[in-house]
C-alpha cells in the first residue's frame, strides 16, 4: 500500500511539472517579447527540445529578417530541424542561409551540413541514389571552398562512403537484368558497371555474370549473330580466367569454354566445307 501511494505521489509530481512546463511554453509562444522568446529558443535548443526551439525560431525568422541576428536564427532553425530529423527542411534552410547571408560566420558549417543532410537522407543501395549523388556534390563543393577546414577529412570519408553506395547500386541494377534473364540488356549493364567502377569489390561477380550472360546469349542466338556472339563470349572467358584463375566460378567457366569452343569449331568446319 505504501509503495502504491509513493508511486502515485511521484506520478502526480511529474504530471504537475509536465503541465507547468507546457503552460510556460504556451506563455512563451504567445509572448510579444521577442528578445525573451529568442533567449528561450536558444535554451530549448541547448536542452535538446528541438520541437519547441524549432517552433520559436520559425516564428522569429520573419521577426528578425533584415537584422544582424537573422543568419543566426536561420542557423539554429536548421539545426532544430536536424534535431527533429527533418533533414529535407534542414538542408533547405542551410541553403537559404548561404544564399541570403554569403558573408555569415555560419556559411562554412552550413555548406558541410547541406551535404550531411543529404547523407542522412541517402537510402539503401538498391533504391534510387539521386540524394546520394547530391550528398557527394555538396561535400565536394565544401572541400573546394574550404580546403583547409578541419572537417575536410570527414567530408572525404563520407564521400567515399557514398561512392561505395553508388557502386553497390550499379551492381544491383546490372544484376537485376541478369536475374531476370534479360541477357542482352545484362551484357550492356554489367559492362557499363565494370567500366564505371573498375576497382569495385564486386568485380569478380560482375565479370562472371558478364561471361555467363554472353555465353547464354550466344548459344541461344539466331544463326546470323551466333558466331560473333560466341567469339565475344570466348574472349570474355579468357579475360575472366586470366584475372581470376582461382575463382569459385572457374569450373562453370570451363564448362562454358568447352561448349563455346565446340560451337566455334563446328562453325569453322562448316565454313571451310562451303
C-alpha atoms as a PDB file:
ATOM      1  CA  UNK A   1       0.000   0.000   0.000  1.00  0.00           C
ATOM      2  CA  UNK A   2       2.844   2.342   0.884  1.00  0.00           C
ATOM      3  CA  UNK A   3       4.569   1.642  -2.452  1.00  0.00           C
ATOM      4  CA  UNK A   4       1.362   2.371  -4.370  1.00  0.00           C
ATOM      5  CA  UNK A   5       0.955   5.670  -2.576  1.00  0.00           C
ATOM      6  CA  UNK A   6       4.602   6.519  -3.201  1.00  0.00           C
ATOM      7  CA  UNK A   7       4.331   5.754  -6.934  1.00  0.00           C
ATOM      8  CA  UNK A   8       1.139   7.790  -7.125  1.00  0.00           C
ATOM      9  CA  UNK A   9       2.907  10.700  -5.453  1.00  0.00           C
ATOM     10  CA  UNK A  10       5.836  10.549  -7.879  1.00  0.00           C
ATOM     11  CA  UNK A  11       3.450  10.369 -10.840  1.00  0.00           C
ATOM     12  CA  UNK A  12       1.486  13.331  -9.543  1.00  0.00           C
ATOM     13  CA  UNK A  13       4.646  15.414  -9.168  1.00  0.00           C
ATOM     14  CA  UNK A  14       5.750  14.540 -12.711  1.00  0.00           C
ATOM     15  CA  UNK A  15       2.316  15.417 -14.065  1.00  0.00           C
ATOM     16  CA  UNK A  16       2.380  18.777 -12.296  1.00  0.00           C
ATOM     17  CA  UNK A  17       5.836  19.518 -13.668  1.00  0.00           C
ATOM     18  CA  UNK A  18       4.741  18.493 -17.163  1.00  0.00           C
ATOM     19  CA  UNK A  19       1.645  20.690 -17.141  1.00  0.00           C
ATOM     20  CA  UNK A  20       3.663  23.523 -15.640  1.00  0.00           C
ATOM     21  CA  UNK A  21       6.251  23.143 -18.392  1.00  0.00           C
ATOM     22  CA  UNK A  22       3.567  23.117 -21.079  1.00  0.00           C
ATOM     23  CA  UNK A  23       1.968  26.178 -19.533  1.00  0.00           C
ATOM     24  CA  UNK A  24       5.273  28.040 -19.507  1.00  0.00           C
ATOM     25  CA  UNK A  25       5.903  27.111 -23.121  1.00  0.00           C
ATOM     26  CA  UNK A  26       2.447  28.291 -24.216  1.00  0.00           C
ATOM     27  CA  UNK A  27       3.102  31.623 -22.496  1.00  0.00           C
ATOM     28  CA  UNK A  28       6.389  31.939 -24.399  1.00  0.00           C
ATOM     29  CA  UNK A  29       4.611  31.178 -27.681  1.00  0.00           C
ATOM     30  CA  UNK A  30       2.043  33.908 -27.028  1.00  0.00           C
ATOM     31  CA  UNK A  31       4.598  36.431 -25.814  1.00  0.00           C
ATOM     32  CA  UNK A  32       5.399  39.529 -27.870  1.00  0.00           C
ATOM     33  CA  UNK A  33       8.705  39.961 -26.056  1.00  0.00           C
ATOM     34  CA  UNK A  34      10.816  38.661 -28.937  1.00  0.00           C
ATOM     35  CA  UNK A  35      14.122  39.080 -27.126  1.00  0.00           C
ATOM     36  CA  UNK A  36      12.804  36.834 -24.360  1.00  0.00           C
ATOM     37  CA  UNK A  37      11.408  34.424 -26.943  1.00  0.00           C
ATOM     38  CA  UNK A  38      14.789  34.314 -28.697  1.00  0.00           C
ATOM     39  CA  UNK A  39      16.631  33.508 -25.451  1.00  0.00           C
ATOM     40  CA  UNK A  40      14.147  30.742 -24.611  1.00  0.00           C
ATOM     41  CA  UNK A  41      14.526  29.291 -28.125  1.00  0.00           C
ATOM     42  CA  UNK A  42      18.288  29.035 -27.573  1.00  0.00           C
ATOM     43  CA  UNK A  43      17.690  27.421 -24.163  1.00  0.00           C
ATOM     44  CA  UNK A  44      15.286  24.859 -25.622  1.00  0.00           C
ATOM     45  CA  UNK A  45      17.803  24.068 -28.357  1.00  0.00           C
ATOM     46  CA  UNK A  46      20.645  23.626 -25.856  1.00  0.00           C
ATOM     47  CA  UNK A  47      18.420  21.331 -23.789  1.00  0.00           C
ATOM     48  CA  UNK A  48      17.653  19.176 -26.832  1.00  0.00           C
ATOM     49  CA  UNK A  49      13.988  20.225 -27.016  1.00  0.00           C
ATOM     50  CA  UNK A  50      14.104  20.663 -30.773  1.00  0.00           C
ATOM     51  CA  UNK A  51      10.362  20.737 -31.451  1.00  0.00           C
ATOM     52  CA  UNK A  52       9.952  23.709 -29.124  1.00  0.00           C
ATOM     53  CA  UNK A  53      13.078  25.502 -30.288  1.00  0.00           C
ATOM     54  CA  UNK A  54      12.085  24.925 -33.910  1.00  0.00           C
ATOM     55  CA  UNK A  55       8.635  26.420 -33.406  1.00  0.00           C
ATOM     56  CA  UNK A  56      10.089  29.515 -31.763  1.00  0.00           C
ATOM     57  CA  UNK A  57      12.865  30.012 -34.319  1.00  0.00           C
ATOM     58  CA  UNK A  58      10.366  29.582 -37.146  1.00  0.00           C
ATOM     59  CA  UNK A  59       8.357  32.499 -35.802  1.00  0.00           C
ATOM     60  CA  UNK A  60      11.485  34.575 -35.210  1.00  0.00           C
ATOM     61  CA  UNK A  61      12.626  34.140 -38.843  1.00  0.00           C
ATOM     62  CA  UNK A  62      10.210  36.826 -40.018  1.00  0.00           C
ATOM     63  CA  UNK A  63      10.580  38.980 -36.889  1.00  0.00           C
ATOM     64  CA  UNK A  64      14.346  39.341 -37.209  1.00  0.00           C
ATOM     65  CA  UNK A  65      14.541  39.406 -41.005  1.00  0.00           C
ATOM     66  CA  UNK A  66      16.945  42.116 -42.132  1.00  0.00           C
ATOM     67  CA  UNK A  67      18.686  42.349 -38.755  1.00  0.00           C
ATOM     68  CA  UNK A  68      22.186  41.299 -37.731  1.00  0.00           C
ATOM     69  CA  UNK A  69      20.720  38.312 -35.938  1.00  0.00           C
ATOM     70  CA  UNK A  70      18.837  36.878 -38.923  1.00  0.00           C
ATOM     71  CA  UNK A  71      21.563  34.472 -40.051  1.00  0.00           C
ATOM     72  CA  UNK A  72      21.920  33.027 -36.554  1.00  0.00           C
ATOM     73  CA  UNK A  73      18.197  32.339 -36.379  1.00  0.00           C
ATOM     74  CA  UNK A  74      18.312  30.595 -39.784  1.00  0.00           C
ATOM     75  CA  UNK A  75      21.220  28.544 -38.494  1.00  0.00           C
ATOM     76  CA  UNK A  76      19.509  27.478 -35.283  1.00  0.00           C
ATOM     77  CA  UNK A  77      16.241  26.797 -37.036  1.00  0.00           C
ATOM     78  CA  UNK A  78      18.030  24.490 -39.500  1.00  0.00           C
ATOM     79  CA  UNK A  79      19.814  22.776 -36.619  1.00  0.00           C
ATOM     80  CA  UNK A  80      16.488  22.343 -34.814  1.00  0.00           C
ATOM     81  CA  UNK A  81      15.114  20.641 -37.919  1.00  0.00           C
ATOM     82  CA  UNK A  82      18.028  18.212 -37.831  1.00  0.00           C
ATOM     83  CA  UNK A  83      17.162  17.517 -34.202  1.00  0.00           C
ATOM     84  CA  UNK A  84      13.646  16.646 -35.392  1.00  0.00           C
ATOM     85  CA  UNK A  85      15.106  14.500 -38.203  1.00  0.00           C
ATOM     86  CA  UNK A  86      13.511  16.707 -40.829  1.00  0.00           C
ATOM     87  CA  UNK A  87      16.637  16.658 -42.975  1.00  0.00           C
ATOM     88  CA  UNK A  88      14.933  17.987 -46.102  1.00  0.00           C
ATOM     89  CA  UNK A  89      13.780  21.140 -44.322  1.00  0.00           C
ATOM     90  CA  UNK A  90      17.141  21.494 -42.558  1.00  0.00           C
ATOM     91  CA  UNK A  91      19.024  21.321 -45.847  1.00  0.00           C
ATOM     92  CA  UNK A  92      16.684  23.889 -47.365  1.00  0.00           C
ATOM     93  CA  UNK A  93      17.353  26.423 -44.608  1.00  0.00           C
ATOM     94  CA  UNK A  94      21.099  25.850 -44.643  1.00  0.00           C
ATOM     95  CA  UNK A  95      20.998  26.555 -48.386  1.00  0.00           C
ATOM     96  CA  UNK A  96      18.862  29.651 -47.818  1.00  0.00           C
ATOM     97  CA  UNK A  97      21.307  30.897 -45.192  1.00  0.00           C
ATOM     98  CA  UNK A  98      24.205  30.642 -47.658  1.00  0.00           C
ATOM     99  CA  UNK A  99      22.217  32.371 -50.389  1.00  0.00           C
ATOM    100  CA  UNK A 100      20.911  35.246 -48.253  1.00  0.00           C
ATOM    101  CA  UNK A 101      23.941  35.716 -45.980  1.00  0.00           C
ATOM    102  CA  UNK A 102      27.045  34.868 -48.052  1.00  0.00           C
ATOM    103  CA  UNK A 103      29.392  36.564 -45.551  1.00  0.00           C
ATOM    104  CA  UNK A 104      27.868  34.941 -42.462  1.00  0.00           C
ATOM    105  CA  UNK A 105      30.076  33.139 -39.959  1.00  0.00           C
ATOM    106  CA  UNK A 106      27.757  30.147 -40.418  1.00  0.00           C
ATOM    107  CA  UNK A 107      28.314  29.724 -44.176  1.00  0.00           C
ATOM    108  CA  UNK A 108      31.193  27.287 -43.809  1.00  0.00           C
ATOM    109  CA  UNK A 109      29.352  24.912 -41.497  1.00  0.00           C
ATOM    110  CA  UNK A 110      26.133  25.327 -43.460  1.00  0.00           C
ATOM    111  CA  UNK A 111      27.799  24.099 -46.643  1.00  0.00           C
ATOM    112  CA  UNK A 112      29.015  21.000 -44.805  1.00  0.00           C
ATOM    113  CA  UNK A 113      25.584  20.459 -43.263  1.00  0.00           C
ATOM    114  CA  UNK A 114      23.877  20.572 -46.668  1.00  0.00           C
ATOM    115  CA  UNK A 115      25.950  17.568 -47.650  1.00  0.00           C
ATOM    116  CA  UNK A 116      25.324  15.941 -44.290  1.00  0.00           C
ATOM    117  CA  UNK A 117      21.551  16.368 -44.603  1.00  0.00           C
ATOM    118  CA  UNK A 118      21.639  14.617 -47.979  1.00  0.00           C
ATOM    119  CA  UNK A 119      23.887  11.966 -46.453  1.00  0.00           C
ATOM    120  CA  UNK A 120      21.332  11.317 -43.707  1.00  0.00           C
ATOM    121  CA  UNK A 121      18.561  11.014 -46.327  1.00  0.00           C
ATOM    122  CA  UNK A 122      20.574   8.669 -48.549  1.00  0.00           C
ATOM    123  CA  UNK A 123      18.592   5.418 -48.994  1.00  0.00           C
ATOM    124  CA  UNK A 124      19.738   1.807 -49.141  1.00  0.00           C
ATOM    125  CA  UNK A 125      21.875   0.876 -52.187  1.00  0.00           C
ATOM    126  CA  UNK A 126      19.070  -0.933 -54.029  1.00  0.00           C
ATOM    127  CA  UNK A 127      16.967   2.268 -54.172  1.00  0.00           C
ATOM    128  CA  UNK A 128      17.341   5.385 -56.310  1.00  0.00           C
ATOM    129  CA  UNK A 129      20.565   7.196 -55.407  1.00  0.00           C
ATOM    130  CA  UNK A 130      19.826  10.759 -56.571  1.00  0.00           C
ATOM    131  CA  UNK A 131      20.106  12.037 -52.986  1.00  0.00           C
ATOM    132  CA  UNK A 132      23.389  10.179 -52.544  1.00  0.00           C
ATOM    133  CA  UNK A 133      24.847  11.983 -55.549  1.00  0.00           C
ATOM    134  CA  UNK A 134      23.635  15.296 -54.115  1.00  0.00           C
ATOM    135  CA  UNK A 135      25.479  14.485 -50.887  1.00  0.00           C
ATOM    136  CA  UNK A 136      28.689  13.826 -52.818  1.00  0.00           C
ATOM    137  CA  UNK A 137      28.317  17.052 -54.823  1.00  0.00           C
ATOM    138  CA  UNK A 138      27.656  19.143 -51.691  1.00  0.00           C
ATOM    139  CA  UNK A 139      30.608  17.661 -49.791  1.00  0.00           C
ATOM    140  CA  UNK A 140      32.862  18.166 -52.809  1.00  0.00           C
ATOM    141  CA  UNK A 141      31.809  21.804 -53.070  1.00  0.00           C
ATOM    142  CA  UNK A 142      32.553  22.192 -49.354  1.00  0.00           C
ATOM    143  CA  UNK A 143      36.054  20.754 -49.873  1.00  0.00           C
ATOM    144  CA  UNK A 144      36.653  23.032 -52.859  1.00  0.00           C
ATOM    145  CA  UNK A 145      35.510  26.136 -50.975  1.00  0.00           C
ATOM    146  CA  UNK A 146      37.153  25.355 -47.640  1.00  0.00           C
ATOM    147  CA  UNK A 147      40.117  23.059 -48.404  1.00  0.00           C
ATOM    148  CA  UNK A 148      41.883  23.749 -45.101  1.00  0.00           C
ATOM    149  CA  UNK A 149      38.923  23.312 -42.779  1.00  0.00           C
ATOM    150  CA  UNK A 150      39.209  20.665 -40.061  1.00  0.00           C
ATOM    151  CA  UNK A 151      36.109  18.850 -41.401  1.00  0.00           C
ATOM    152  CA  UNK A 152      37.573  18.213 -44.852  1.00  0.00           C
ATOM    153  CA  UNK A 153      38.821  14.798 -43.740  1.00  0.00           C
ATOM    154  CA  UNK A 154      35.334  13.882 -42.546  1.00  0.00           C
ATOM    155  CA  UNK A 155      33.824  15.143 -45.806  1.00  0.00           C
ATOM    156  CA  UNK A 156      36.224  12.962 -47.806  1.00  0.00           C
ATOM    157  CA  UNK A 157      35.366   9.941 -45.664  1.00  0.00           C
ATOM    158  CA  UNK A 158      31.638  10.489 -46.216  1.00  0.00           C
ATOM    159  CA  UNK A 159      32.199  10.952 -49.962  1.00  0.00           C
ATOM    160  CA  UNK A 160      33.992   7.601 -50.075  1.00  0.00           C
ATOM    161  CA  UNK A 161      31.090   6.007 -48.200  1.00  0.00           C
ATOM    162  CA  UNK A 162      28.571   7.493 -50.615  1.00  0.00           C
ATOM    163  CA  UNK A 163      30.594   6.409 -53.651  1.00  0.00           C
ATOM    164  CA  UNK A 164      30.661   2.865 -52.303  1.00  0.00           C
ATOM    165  CA  UNK A 165      26.883   3.048 -52.169  1.00  0.00           C
ATOM    166  CA  UNK A 166      26.726   4.183 -55.801  1.00  0.00           C
ATOM    167  CA  UNK A 167      28.947   1.244 -56.746  1.00  0.00           C
ATOM    168  CA  UNK A 168      26.563  -1.116 -54.957  1.00  0.00           C
ATOM    169  CA  UNK A 169      23.605   0.486 -56.718  1.00  0.00           C
ATOM    170  CA  UNK A 170      25.338  -0.013 -60.066  1.00  0.00           C
ATOM    171  CA  UNK A 171      25.978  -3.646 -59.177  1.00  0.00           C
ATOM    172  CA  UNK A 172      22.388  -4.342 -58.107  1.00  0.00           C
ATOM    173  CA  UNK A 173      20.949  -2.573 -61.153  1.00  0.00           C
ATOM    174  CA  UNK A 174      23.113  -4.591 -63.531  1.00  0.00           C
ATOM    175  CA  UNK A 175      22.427  -7.833 -61.646  1.00  0.00           C
ATOM    176  CA  UNK A 176      18.696  -7.232 -61.959  1.00  0.00           C
ATOM    177  CA  UNK A 177      18.822  -7.754 -65.742  1.00  0.00           C
ATOM    178  CA  UNK A 178      20.882 -10.893 -65.199  1.00  0.00           C
ATOM    179  CA  UNK A 179      18.460 -12.279 -62.614  1.00  0.00           C
ATOM    180  CA  UNK A 180      15.514 -11.684 -64.952  1.00  0.00           C
ATOM    181  CA  UNK A 181      17.297 -13.478 -67.793  1.00  0.00           C
ATOM    182  CA  UNK A 182      17.459 -10.349 -69.971  1.00  0.00           C
ATOM    183  CA  UNK A 183      20.961 -11.247 -71.117  1.00  0.00           C
ATOM    184  CA  UNK A 184      21.278  -8.731 -73.931  1.00  0.00           C
ATOM    185  CA  UNK A 185      20.482  -5.892 -71.528  1.00  0.00           C
ATOM    186  CA  UNK A 186      22.598  -7.568 -68.843  1.00  0.00           C
ATOM    187  CA  UNK A 187      25.663  -7.559 -71.107  1.00  0.00           C
ATOM    188  CA  UNK A 188      25.336  -3.803 -71.574  1.00  0.00           C
ATOM    189  CA  UNK A 189      24.554  -3.033 -67.921  1.00  0.00           C
ATOM    190  CA  UNK A 190      27.261  -5.308 -66.493  1.00  0.00           C
ATOM    191  CA  UNK A 191      29.835  -3.922 -68.936  1.00  0.00           C
ATOM    192  CA  UNK A 192      28.912  -0.350 -68.010  1.00  0.00           C
ATOM    193  CA  UNK A 193      29.140  -1.111 -64.285  1.00  0.00           C
ATOM    194  CA  UNK A 194      32.641  -2.538 -64.731  1.00  0.00           C
ATOM    195  CA  UNK A 195      33.695   0.383 -66.896  1.00  0.00           C
ATOM    196  CA  UNK A 196      32.395   2.980 -64.437  1.00  0.00           C
ATOM    197  CA  UNK A 197      33.748   1.172 -61.364  1.00  0.00           C
ATOM    198  CA  UNK A 198      36.824  -0.839 -62.406  1.00  0.00           C
ATOM    199  CA  UNK A 199      38.030  -1.306 -58.822  1.00  0.00           C
ATOM    200  CA  UNK A 200      34.688  -2.405 -57.399  1.00  0.00           C
ATOM    201  CA  UNK A 201      34.642  -5.117 -54.749  1.00  0.00           C
ATOM    202  CA  UNK A 202      32.022  -6.839 -56.929  1.00  0.00           C
ATOM    203  CA  UNK A 203      34.398  -7.123 -59.898  1.00  0.00           C
ATOM    204  CA  UNK A 204      34.718 -10.923 -59.871  1.00  0.00           C
ATOM    205  CA  UNK A 205      30.968 -11.493 -59.638  1.00  0.00           C
ATOM    206  CA  UNK A 206      30.246  -8.860 -62.284  1.00  0.00           C
ATOM    207  CA  UNK A 207      32.760 -10.412 -64.671  1.00  0.00           C
ATOM    208  CA  UNK A 208      31.343 -13.876 -64.079  1.00  0.00           C
ATOM    209  CA  UNK A 209      27.793 -12.676 -64.744  1.00  0.00           C
ATOM    210  CA  UNK A 210      29.016 -10.894 -67.870  1.00  0.00           C
ATOM    211  CA  UNK A 211      30.668 -14.101 -69.093  1.00  0.00           C
ATOM    212  CA  UNK A 212      27.573 -16.187 -68.372  1.00  0.00           C
ATOM    213  CA  UNK A 213      25.268 -13.594 -69.961  1.00  0.00           C
ATOM    214  CA  UNK A 214      27.375 -13.544 -73.119  1.00  0.00           C
ATOM    215  CA  UNK A 215      27.506 -17.340 -73.137  1.00  0.00           C
ATOM    216  CA  UNK A 216      23.735 -17.793 -72.781  1.00  0.00           C
ATOM    217  CA  UNK A 217      23.063 -15.023 -75.298  1.00  0.00           C
ATOM    218  CA  UNK A 218      25.418 -16.723 -77.773  1.00  0.00           C
ATOM    219  CA  UNK A 219      24.227 -20.335 -77.516  1.00  0.00           C
ATOM    220  CA  UNK A 220      20.592 -19.240 -77.819  1.00  0.00           C
ATOM    221  CA  UNK A 221      21.261 -16.728 -80.579  1.00  0.00           C
ATOM    222  CA  UNK A 222      19.846 -16.585 -84.087  1.00  0.00           C
ATOM    223  CA  UNK A 223      22.261 -18.031 -86.657  1.00  0.00           C
ATOM    224  CA  UNK A 224      23.283 -14.745 -88.312  1.00  0.00           C
ATOM    225  CA  UNK A 225      24.514 -13.371 -84.972  1.00  0.00           C
ATOM    226  CA  UNK A 226      25.646 -16.591 -83.339  1.00  0.00           C
ATOM    227  CA  UNK A 227      29.291 -16.793 -84.423  1.00  0.00           C
ATOM    228  CA  UNK A 228      30.066 -13.207 -83.448  1.00  0.00           C
ATOM    229  CA  UNK A 229      28.424 -13.696 -80.068  1.00  0.00           C
ATOM    230  CA  UNK A 230      30.217 -16.998 -79.486  1.00  0.00           C
ATOM    231  CA  UNK A 231      33.556 -15.287 -80.211  1.00  0.00           C
ATOM    232  CA  UNK A 232      32.686 -12.438 -77.841  1.00  0.00           C
ATOM    233  CA  UNK A 233      31.778 -14.919 -75.090  1.00  0.00           C
ATOM    234  CA  UNK A 234      35.014 -16.827 -75.664  1.00  0.00           C
ATOM    235  CA  UNK A 235      37.028 -13.607 -75.345  1.00  0.00           C
ATOM    236  CA  UNK A 236      35.183 -12.907 -72.108  1.00  0.00           C
ATOM    237  CA  UNK A 237      36.126 -16.365 -70.841  1.00  0.00           C
ATOM    238  CA  UNK A 238      39.835 -15.723 -71.422  1.00  0.00           C
ATOM    239  CA  UNK A 239      39.573 -12.320 -69.715  1.00  0.00           C
ATOM    240  CA  UNK A 240      37.851 -13.849 -66.700  1.00  0.00           C
ATOM    241  CA  UNK A 241      40.189 -16.817 -66.143  1.00  0.00           C
ATOM    242  CA  UNK A 242      43.231 -14.634 -66.678  1.00  0.00           C
ATOM    243  CA  UNK A 243      42.149 -12.270 -63.905  1.00  0.00           C
ATOM    244  CA  UNK A 244      40.537 -14.818 -61.568  1.00  0.00           C
ATOM    245  CA  UNK A 245      42.228 -18.199 -62.139  1.00  0.00           C
ATOM    246  CA  UNK A 246      41.245 -19.384 -58.641  1.00  0.00           C
ATOM    247  CA  UNK A 247      37.656 -18.153 -58.814  1.00  0.00           C
ATOM    248  CA  UNK A 248      34.846 -20.159 -57.239  1.00  0.00           C
ATOM    249  CA  UNK A 249      33.176 -19.909 -60.656  1.00  0.00           C
ATOM    250  CA  UNK A 250      36.097 -21.454 -62.561  1.00  0.00           C
ATOM    251  CA  UNK A 251      34.503 -24.895 -63.082  1.00  0.00           C
ATOM    252  CA  UNK A 252      31.401 -23.387 -64.629  1.00  0.00           C
ATOM    253  CA  UNK A 253      33.563 -21.061 -66.713  1.00  0.00           C
ATOM    254  CA  UNK A 254      35.458 -24.098 -68.041  1.00  0.00           C
ATOM    255  CA  UNK A 255      32.140 -25.687 -68.981  1.00  0.00           C
ATOM    256  CA  UNK A 256      31.242 -22.534 -70.912  1.00  0.00           C
ATOM    257  CA  UNK A 257      34.596 -22.671 -72.667  1.00  0.00           C
ATOM    258  CA  UNK A 258      34.110 -26.284 -73.787  1.00  0.00           C
ATOM    259  CA  UNK A 259      30.720 -25.532 -75.313  1.00  0.00           C
ATOM    260  CA  UNK A 260      31.904 -22.311 -76.954  1.00  0.00           C
ATOM    261  CA  UNK A 261      34.977 -23.987 -78.460  1.00  0.00           C
ATOM    262  CA  UNK A 262      32.895 -26.847 -79.825  1.00  0.00           C
ATOM    263  CA  UNK A 263      30.357 -24.471 -81.323  1.00  0.00           C
ATOM    264  CA  UNK A 264      33.044 -22.348 -82.966  1.00  0.00           C
ATOM    265  CA  UNK A 265      34.928 -25.359 -84.349  1.00  0.00           C
ATOM    266  CA  UNK A 266      31.699 -26.651 -85.844  1.00  0.00           C
ATOM    267  CA  UNK A 267      31.018 -23.287 -87.425  1.00  0.00           C
ATOM    268  CA  UNK A 268      34.565 -23.086 -88.798  1.00  0.00           C
ATOM    269  CA  UNK A 269      34.368 -26.564 -90.286  1.00  0.00           C
ATOM    270  CA  UNK A 270      31.032 -25.691 -91.889  1.00  0.00           C
ATOM    271  CA  UNK A 271      32.566 -22.545 -93.337  1.00  0.00           C
ATOM    272  CA  UNK A 272      35.543 -24.478 -94.768  1.00  0.00           C
ATOM    273  CA  UNK A 273      33.259 -27.045 -96.401  1.00  0.00           C
ATOM    274  CA  UNK A 274      31.426 -24.255 -98.161  1.00  0.00           C
END
